[in-house]
Amino acid sequence: MKTVGVISTSRADFGIYLPILRRLRDDRDFQLRLYVTGAHLVAEFGATIKWIEEEHFEITEQIPILLATDDAQSTVKAMALAMLAFSQVFAQSKPDILLVLGDRFEMFASALAAVPFKIPIAHIHGGELTFGAMDDCFRHCLTKISHLHFVATEQYAKRVIQMGEDPERVIVSGAPSIDYLRSECLPDQPEIERLIGISLTPAPILITYHPATLESLSPEQQIREVLAALPNGDRPIVFTAPNADPGGRAVTAMIQDFIRYHPNAIIVNNLGTRYYFGMMRLACVMVGNSSSGLIEAPSFRLPVVNIGSRQDGRVRAANVIDVRCDARAITDGINRAMAPTFRESLINSANPYDAGRPASEIVVQALKRFVLRNDLYNKHFYDLLAKPFDRNGTST
């Protein structure tokens, strides 16, 4: 039996991991070790460790790292705490492989601690670009310290290979979160209304906005433009809370001020994957800058107004309308997205992040194949200048 360590830092990565975690838990070839850190352990962000426990996963370690503030200095301190804490965890017991996901600063720092211990790292969602956030840097750094790569699209696979990773170790799995849409019964409107406490008729506007950490505007200025663009009237507006980025608390405070004067609006700290996807299915439009607007929303044919540069560089489906972070531009985007003709145009659109078979199955089978190899930790730089590679399998 091989041990697979999984680092989860927030509701966002846990929802993506969930189909994979279930397969690992139920597979007799693996023992799952779940390391829980970051926003999961903070009440302000919904204390989402409760969600993990409700899913009946045994938590191996709880590792608090986030501080009471979210400025740049606190972010660096949280990274330092993560490296120190995970070095102590790995000194006591090393997993056979460590599974990490995405692009968060907490994830990168936690994974970096595994390098001196010679723990092989498998990385999910590498090769993507998000020019408007510092996450872009952390994602590519995770790629370079990882030994096995599960990417969402062929384009992302080529980018990981371009970074010097061996094509044999780069696997197009699709997005794991899409598995959830195939396997779960999503809540209906009355169930969601009972959870959040407001009517969702007419169809709500769903807003998920995170601070774009590399934008010229401050987080306060960014969310001010978003709030100024929202329509007045009876249509419900459902905000999901931003993540633990620098400026996230300021964004939340301004949303809460907006809600005081708009009785049809509400902010929810944590909907969880099931209710978040259920809200996507109900919504008339999604507004913000979350990756979920690009990765999962296409499966619902949900129009998305994607604001600013945070997701610049990611593959897009036909549901995405890109606008700058400006109130007038956002208003125009919302009006276009809510036009019946735009929604009708999405009827036959495809989701580029759907590989056609369960991503969790692809990931777990590949882990079995690679973890058994003695040379997994050792890797070389795959030099495209020396030997260009065609993804069809032939050298050029």
Protein backbone atom coordinates (compact mmCIF):
# COMPACT_ATOMS: atom_id res chain seq x y z
CA MET A 1 0.00 0.00 0.00
CA LYS A 2 1.37 3.40 -1.06
CA THR A 3 0.71 6.58 0.90
CA VAL A 4 -0.56 9.64 -0.97
CA GLY A 5 -0.35 12.92 0.92
CA VAL A 6 -2.79 15.64 -0.18
CA ILE A 7 -2.49 19.30 0.83
CA SER A 8 -5.74 21.27 1.00
CA THR A 9 -5.68 24.99 1.81
CA SER A 10 -9.24 26.21 1.15
CA ARG A 11 -12.76 25.43 -0.03
CA ALA A 12 -11.63 26.09 -3.60
CA ASP A 13 -9.05 23.32 -3.88
CA PHE A 14 -11.03 20.86 -1.73
CA GLY A 15 -14.00 21.07 -4.09
CA ILE A 16 -11.70 20.30 -7.02
CA TYR A 17 -9.92 17.49 -5.18
CA LEU A 18 -13.12 15.85 -3.96
CA PRO A 19 -13.66 13.26 -6.76
CA ILE A 20 -9.97 12.27 -6.53
CA LEU A 21 -10.02 12.03 -2.73
CA ARG A 22 -13.03 9.74 -2.84
CA ARG A 23 -11.28 7.38 -5.27
CA LEU A 24 -8.09 7.37 -3.21
CA ARG A 25 -10.01 6.68 -0.01
CA ASP A 26 -11.81 3.73 -1.59
CA ASP A 27 -8.77 2.25 -3.37
CA ARG A 28 -6.99 -0.53 -1.47
CA ASP A 29 -3.70 0.26 -3.22
CA PHE A 30 -3.45 3.62 -1.44
CA GLN A 31 -3.50 5.07 2.03
CA LEU A 32 -4.67 8.69 2.03
CA ARG A 33 -3.02 11.30 4.24
CA LEU A 34 -4.87 14.60 4.24
CA TYR A 35 -3.03 17.72 5.40
CA VAL A 36 -5.43 20.60 6.08
CA THR A 37 -4.20 24.18 6.36
CA GLY A 38 -4.84 27.79 5.31
CA ALA A 39 -8.38 29.17 5.15
CA HIS A 40 -9.91 25.82 6.13
CA LEU A 41 -8.98 26.53 9.75
CA VAL A 42 -10.18 30.15 9.93
CA ALA A 43 -13.75 30.93 11.04
CA GLU A 44 -13.75 34.13 9.00
CA PHE A 45 -13.50 32.03 5.83
CA GLY A 46 -16.21 29.63 6.90
CA ALA A 47 -14.09 27.14 8.92
CA THR A 48 -14.43 24.77 5.98
CA ILE A 49 -12.65 21.98 7.80
CA LYS A 50 -16.22 21.07 8.83
CA TRP A 51 -16.97 20.31 5.19
CA ILE A 52 -14.03 17.90 5.04
CA GLU A 53 -15.27 16.14 8.18
CA GLU A 54 -18.82 15.95 6.78
CA GLU A 55 -17.39 14.13 3.76
CA HIS A 56 -16.02 11.52 6.22
CA PHE A 57 -12.33 12.04 5.47
CA GLU A 58 -9.81 11.35 8.19
CA ILE A 59 -7.57 14.41 8.62
CA THR A 60 -3.93 13.52 9.19
CA GLU A 61 -2.73 16.97 10.28
CA GLN A 62 -4.29 20.39 10.91
CA ILE A 63 -1.70 23.08 10.23
CA PRO A 64 -2.72 26.72 11.01
CA ILE A 65 -0.68 29.31 9.10
CA LEU A 66 -2.87 32.34 8.25
CA LEU A 67 -2.57 35.53 10.29
CA ALA A 68 -5.19 38.09 11.30
CA THR A 69 -4.26 40.47 8.49
CA ASP A 70 -3.83 39.89 4.76
CA ASP A 71 -1.23 42.44 3.69
CA ALA A 72 1.97 41.51 1.84
CA GLN A 73 4.01 41.01 5.01
CA SER A 74 1.39 38.69 6.50
CA THR A 75 1.33 36.69 3.28
CA VAL A 76 5.10 36.16 3.47
CA LYS A 77 4.85 35.21 7.15
CA ALA A 78 2.12 32.69 6.34
CA MET A 79 4.37 31.13 3.69
CA ALA A 80 7.21 30.91 6.20
CA LEU A 81 4.91 29.30 8.78
CA ALA A 82 3.73 26.79 6.18
CA MET A 83 7.28 25.76 5.30
CA LEU A 84 8.26 25.38 8.94
CA ALA A 85 5.14 23.44 9.91
CA PHE A 86 5.28 21.07 6.95
CA SER A 87 8.98 20.44 7.50
CA GLN A 88 8.06 19.16 10.96
CA VAL A 89 5.24 17.01 9.53
CA PHE A 90 7.48 15.45 6.86
CA ALA A 91 10.31 14.90 9.35
CA GLN A 92 7.97 12.67 11.35
CA SER A 93 6.46 10.78 8.41
CA LYS A 94 6.88 11.11 4.65
CA PRO A 95 4.18 10.11 2.15
CA ASP A 96 5.26 8.17 -0.92
CA ILE A 97 3.96 10.99 -3.10
CA LEU A 98 2.47 14.42 -2.39
CA LEU A 99 -0.52 15.64 -4.40
CA VAL A 100 -0.90 19.41 -4.76
CA LEU A 101 -3.21 21.62 -6.77
CA GLY A 102 -3.17 24.94 -8.51
CA ASP A 103 -1.46 28.16 -7.70
CA ARG A 104 -1.99 29.45 -4.16
CA PHE A 105 0.88 30.89 -2.09
CA GLU A 106 -0.02 28.56 0.81
CA MET A 107 0.06 25.55 -1.51
CA PHE A 108 3.44 26.49 -2.96
CA ALA A 109 5.08 27.06 0.42
CA SER A 110 3.67 23.81 1.80
CA ALA A 111 4.88 21.83 -1.20
CA LEU A 112 8.30 23.48 -1.18
CA ALA A 113 8.94 21.94 2.24
CA ALA A 114 8.77 18.49 0.61
CA VAL A 115 11.76 19.12 -1.68
CA PRO A 116 14.60 18.54 0.85
CA PHE A 117 12.83 15.38 2.01
CA LYS A 118 12.92 13.99 -1.56
CA ILE A 119 9.17 13.46 -1.66
CA PRO A 120 7.87 13.18 -5.25
CA ILE A 121 5.20 15.77 -6.03
CA ALA A 122 2.21 15.39 -8.37
CA HIS A 123 0.67 18.67 -9.51
CA ILE A 124 -2.88 19.29 -10.77
CA HIS A 125 -3.86 22.26 -12.99
CA GLY A 126 -0.37 23.24 -14.10
CA GLY A 127 0.45 25.00 -17.36
CA GLU A 128 -2.33 27.56 -17.02
CA LEU A 129 -1.88 31.32 -17.17
CA THR A 130 -3.42 34.03 -14.98
CA PHE A 131 -1.52 37.18 -15.79
CA GLY A 132 -3.47 39.38 -13.36
CA ALA A 133 -2.56 37.53 -10.15
CA MET A 134 0.61 36.56 -8.32
CA ASP A 135 -0.80 33.02 -8.40
CA ASP A 136 0.66 32.75 -11.93
CA CYS A 137 4.16 32.73 -10.46
CA PHE A 138 3.37 30.15 -7.79
CA ARG A 139 1.71 27.82 -10.31
CA HIS A 140 4.79 27.71 -12.54
CA CYS A 141 7.08 27.29 -9.53
CA LEU A 142 4.98 24.30 -8.46
CA THR A 143 5.42 22.85 -11.93
CA LYS A 144 9.21 23.02 -11.65
CA ILE A 145 9.36 21.28 -8.25
CA SER A 146 6.86 18.60 -9.32
CA HIS A 147 7.57 15.20 -10.85
CA LEU A 148 4.17 14.32 -12.31
CA HIS A 149 1.71 16.68 -13.97
CA PHE A 150 -2.06 16.44 -14.44
CA VAL A 151 -3.16 19.22 -16.78
CA ALA A 152 -6.63 20.22 -17.90
CA THR A 153 -6.10 20.69 -21.65
CA GLU A 154 -3.67 19.79 -24.41
CA GLN A 155 -2.58 23.43 -24.65
CA TYR A 156 -1.57 23.40 -20.99
CA ALA A 157 0.31 20.12 -21.53
CA LYS A 158 2.41 21.76 -24.24
CA ARG A 159 3.19 24.66 -21.93
CA VAL A 160 4.38 22.35 -19.13
CA ILE A 161 6.62 20.53 -21.62
CA GLN A 162 7.90 23.92 -22.80
CA MET A 163 9.01 24.49 -19.20
CA GLY A 164 11.30 21.45 -19.48
CA GLU A 165 9.07 18.70 -18.09
CA ASP A 166 9.25 15.20 -19.60
CA PRO A 167 6.25 14.56 -21.92
CA GLU A 168 5.91 11.07 -20.44
CA ARG A 169 5.08 12.65 -17.08
CA VAL A 170 2.55 15.18 -18.43
CA ILE A 171 -0.98 13.76 -18.51
CA VAL A 172 -4.08 15.48 -19.89
CA SER A 173 -6.73 14.63 -17.31
CA GLY A 174 -9.27 17.41 -17.81
CA ALA A 175 -10.51 19.35 -14.79
CA PRO A 176 -11.34 17.08 -11.79
CA SER A 177 -14.20 19.34 -10.73
CA ILE A 178 -16.10 18.34 -13.88
CA ASP A 179 -16.38 14.82 -12.39
CA TYR A 180 -18.54 16.28 -9.63
CA LEU A 181 -21.05 17.54 -12.18
CA ARG A 182 -21.37 14.03 -13.61
CA SER A 183 -21.77 12.21 -10.34
CA GLU A 184 -23.70 14.45 -7.95
CA CYS A 185 -27.36 15.35 -7.65
CA LEU A 186 -27.31 19.13 -7.39
CA PRO A 187 -29.73 20.94 -5.02
CA ASP A 188 -32.88 22.47 -6.45
CA GLN A 189 -34.01 26.05 -5.91
CA PRO A 190 -36.04 25.49 -2.69
CA GLU A 191 -33.11 23.67 -1.06
CA ILE A 192 -30.69 26.48 -1.88
CA GLU A 193 -33.19 29.09 -0.69
CA ARG A 194 -33.49 27.30 2.66
CA LEU A 195 -29.72 27.34 3.01
CA ILE A 196 -29.10 31.03 2.26
CA GLY A 197 -32.39 32.49 3.45
CA ILE A 198 -33.52 34.59 0.47
CA SER A 199 -35.76 34.03 -2.54
CA LEU A 200 -33.97 33.20 -5.79
CA THR A 201 -36.79 34.35 -8.05
CA PRO A 202 -36.16 35.81 -10.56
CA ALA A 203 -32.94 33.97 -11.44
CA PRO A 204 -30.07 35.38 -9.37
CA ILE A 205 -26.84 37.10 -10.32
CA LEU A 206 -23.93 35.09 -8.89
CA ILE A 207 -20.83 37.13 -8.04
CA THR A 208 -17.46 35.64 -7.17
CA TYR A 209 -14.78 38.31 -7.07
CA HIS A 210 -11.26 37.95 -5.67
CA PRO A 211 -8.61 40.67 -5.38
CA ALA A 212 -6.60 40.80 -8.61
CA THR A 213 -3.21 41.11 -6.94
CA LEU A 214 -1.35 42.46 -9.99
CA GLU A 215 -3.99 44.97 -11.15
CA SER A 216 -3.09 48.67 -11.07
CA LEU A 217 -6.27 49.35 -9.07
CA SER A 218 -6.31 48.52 -5.37
CA PRO A 219 -8.69 45.76 -4.21
CA GLU A 220 -10.98 48.46 -2.79
CA GLN A 221 -11.05 50.28 -6.11
CA GLN A 222 -11.69 47.03 -7.98
CA ILE A 223 -14.72 45.99 -5.94
CA ARG A 224 -16.05 49.56 -5.97
CA GLU A 225 -16.27 49.37 -9.79
CA VAL A 226 -17.99 45.97 -9.59
CA LEU A 227 -20.59 47.12 -7.07
CA ALA A 228 -21.33 50.30 -9.03
CA ALA A 229 -22.13 48.19 -12.10
CA LEU A 230 -24.77 45.98 -10.49
CA PRO A 231 -28.36 46.56 -11.58
CA ASN A 232 -30.97 47.94 -9.20
CA GLY A 233 -34.24 46.10 -8.86
CA ASP A 234 -35.70 42.92 -7.43
CA ARG A 235 -33.26 40.41 -8.95
CA PRO A 236 -31.39 38.53 -6.19
CA ILE A 237 -27.63 39.03 -5.99
CA VAL A 238 -25.57 36.29 -4.33
CA PHE A 239 -21.95 37.04 -3.45
CA THR A 240 -19.50 34.33 -2.46
CA ALA A 241 -16.75 35.52 -0.13
CA PRO A 242 -13.30 36.21 -1.61
CA ASN A 243 -10.35 34.01 -0.78
CA ALA A 244 -7.43 34.77 1.54
CA ASP A 245 -5.49 36.98 -0.89
CA PRO A 246 -4.01 40.34 0.11
CA GLY A 247 -6.95 42.75 0.14
CA GLY A 248 -9.58 40.05 0.55
CA ARG A 249 -10.85 41.37 3.87
CA ALA A 250 -11.30 44.86 2.41
CA VAL A 251 -13.31 43.40 -0.48
CA THR A 252 -15.55 41.52 1.95
CA ALA A 253 -16.13 44.64 4.06
CA MET A 254 -17.26 46.65 1.02
CA ILE A 255 -19.59 43.87 -0.11
CA GLN A 256 -21.13 43.81 3.37
CA ASP A 257 -21.69 47.58 3.19
CA PHE A 258 -23.43 47.12 -0.17
CA ILE A 259 -25.70 44.43 1.26
CA ARG A 260 -26.91 46.73 4.06
CA TYR A 261 -28.64 48.89 1.47
CA HIS A 262 -29.75 46.09 -0.87
CA PRO A 263 -32.15 43.67 0.84
CA ASN A 264 -32.14 41.37 -2.19
CA ALA A 265 -28.35 40.80 -1.85
CA ILE A 266 -26.48 38.35 0.38
CA ILE A 267 -22.89 37.18 0.91
CA VAL A 268 -22.17 33.54 1.72
CA ASN A 269 -18.83 32.52 3.24
CA ASN A 270 -18.93 29.00 1.92
CA LEU A 271 -21.56 27.40 -0.29
CA GLY A 272 -19.55 24.20 -0.71
CA THR A 273 -19.14 22.58 -4.10
CA ARG A 274 -22.62 21.08 -4.30
CA TYR A 275 -24.47 24.31 -3.51
CA TYR A 276 -22.06 26.46 -5.52
CA PHE A 277 -22.67 24.38 -8.62
CA GLY A 278 -26.38 24.36 -7.79
CA MET A 279 -26.26 28.17 -7.72
CA MET A 280 -24.50 28.15 -11.09
CA ARG A 281 -27.32 26.09 -12.53
CA LEU A 282 -29.91 28.60 -11.24
CA ALA A 283 -28.09 31.84 -12.05
CA CYS A 284 -28.91 34.04 -15.02
CA VAL A 285 -25.33 35.33 -15.14
CA MET A 286 -22.07 34.94 -13.22
CA VAL A 287 -19.98 38.06 -12.60
CA GLY A 288 -16.44 38.28 -11.24
CA ASN A 289 -12.97 36.93 -11.88
CA SER A 290 -13.03 33.37 -10.55
CA SER A 291 -11.55 30.45 -12.46
CA SER A 292 -14.89 28.69 -11.91
CA GLY A 293 -16.40 30.99 -14.52
CA LEU A 294 -14.01 29.55 -17.09
CA ILE A 295 -13.67 25.94 -15.92
CA GLU A 296 -17.05 24.79 -14.57
CA ALA A 297 -19.55 27.42 -15.79
CA PRO A 298 -19.30 26.28 -19.46
CA SER A 299 -20.84 22.94 -18.44
CA PHE A 300 -23.98 24.85 -17.37
CA ARG A 301 -23.98 27.07 -20.49
CA LEU A 302 -23.88 29.90 -17.93
CA PRO A 303 -22.98 33.36 -19.27
CA VAL A 304 -19.97 34.77 -17.43
CA VAL A 305 -18.81 38.38 -17.24
CA ASN A 306 -15.10 37.98 -16.51
CA ILE A 307 -13.65 41.16 -15.04
CA GLY A 308 -10.11 42.45 -15.39
CA SER A 309 -6.85 40.60 -15.90
CA ARG A 310 -6.93 37.95 -13.17
CA GLN A 311 -7.82 35.14 -15.60
CA ASP A 312 -5.92 36.51 -18.61
CA GLY A 313 -4.18 33.63 -20.40
CA ARG A 314 -6.63 30.85 -19.51
CA VAL A 315 -8.47 28.87 -22.18
CA ARG A 316 -12.01 30.20 -22.63
CA ALA A 317 -15.28 28.74 -23.84
CA ALA A 318 -17.98 30.68 -25.67
CA ASN A 319 -19.77 31.57 -22.41
CA VAL A 320 -17.13 34.11 -21.29
CA ILE A 321 -17.45 37.85 -21.91
CA ASP A 322 -14.23 39.64 -20.97
CA VAL A 323 -14.48 43.23 -19.68
CA ARG A 324 -12.06 45.63 -18.02
CA CYS A 325 -12.49 46.57 -14.36
CA ASP A 326 -14.66 49.58 -15.03
CA ALA A 327 -18.27 50.06 -13.92
CA ARG A 328 -19.58 51.01 -17.36
CA ALA A 329 -17.80 48.12 -19.07
CA ILE A 330 -19.09 45.67 -16.46
CA THR A 331 -22.66 46.96 -16.86
CA ASP A 332 -22.43 46.54 -20.63
CA GLY A 333 -21.10 43.01 -20.13
CA ILE A 334 -23.96 42.09 -17.81
CA ASN A 335 -26.54 43.45 -20.25
CA ARG A 336 -25.01 41.46 -23.09
CA ALA A 337 -24.80 38.27 -20.98
CA MET A 338 -28.45 38.55 -19.90
CA ALA A 339 -29.75 39.01 -23.43
CA PRO A 340 -31.76 35.89 -24.43
CA THR A 341 -29.87 35.64 -27.71
CA PHE A 342 -26.53 35.23 -25.92
CA ARG A 343 -27.78 32.40 -23.72
CA GLU A 344 -29.34 30.73 -26.75
CA SER A 345 -25.99 30.91 -28.55
CA LEU A 346 -24.45 28.66 -25.88
CA ILE A 347 -26.82 25.70 -26.35
CA ASN A 348 -24.32 23.64 -28.33
CA SER A 349 -21.12 25.05 -26.83
CA ALA A 350 -18.49 22.69 -25.40
CA ASN A 351 -16.43 22.85 -22.22
CA PRO A 352 -12.71 22.75 -23.13
CA TYR A 353 -11.87 21.48 -19.63
CA ASP A 354 -13.91 18.30 -20.06
CA ALA A 355 -11.63 15.45 -21.24
CA GLY A 356 -14.57 13.15 -21.95
CA ARG A 357 -13.87 10.70 -19.11
CA PRO A 358 -13.53 11.15 -15.34
CA ALA A 359 -10.39 13.12 -14.50
CA SER A 360 -10.25 11.45 -11.08
CA GLU A 361 -10.01 8.04 -12.76
CA ILE A 362 -7.15 9.24 -14.98
CA VAL A 363 -5.29 10.72 -11.99
CA VAL A 364 -5.60 7.69 -9.72
CA GLN A 365 -4.61 5.21 -12.44
CA ALA A 366 -1.57 7.31 -13.32
CA LEU A 367 -0.58 7.54 -9.65
CA LYS A 368 -0.62 3.75 -9.49
CA ARG A 369 1.56 3.50 -12.57
CA PHE A 370 4.13 6.10 -11.54
CA VAL A 371 4.36 5.70 -7.76
CA LEU A 372 5.57 2.14 -8.23
CA ARG A 373 8.58 3.40 -10.22
CA ASN A 374 11.88 3.79 -8.38
CA ASP A 375 12.95 6.69 -10.58
CA LEU A 376 9.92 8.91 -10.01
CA TYR A 377 11.79 11.44 -7.89
CA ASN A 378 14.64 11.81 -10.36
CA LYS A 379 13.86 13.90 -13.42
CA HIS A 380 15.80 15.76 -16.07
CA PHE A 381 15.17 18.96 -17.96
CA TYR A 382 13.44 18.09 -21.21
CA ASP A 383 15.21 20.44 -23.62
CA LEU A 384 13.01 21.39 -26.57
CA LEU A 385 15.94 23.17 -28.18
CA ALA A 386 17.88 19.92 -28.24
CA LYS A 387 14.97 17.65 -29.22
CA PRO A 388 11.71 19.36 -30.21
CA PHE A 389 8.74 17.19 -29.42
CA ASP A 390 5.45 16.75 -31.22
CA ARG A 391 2.63 15.90 -28.78
CA ASN A 392 1.49 13.28 -31.26
CA GLY A 393 4.51 11.28 -30.14
CA THR A 394 7.19 11.92 -32.74
CA SER A 395 10.39 13.94 -32.57
CA THR A 396 10.72 16.73 -35.11
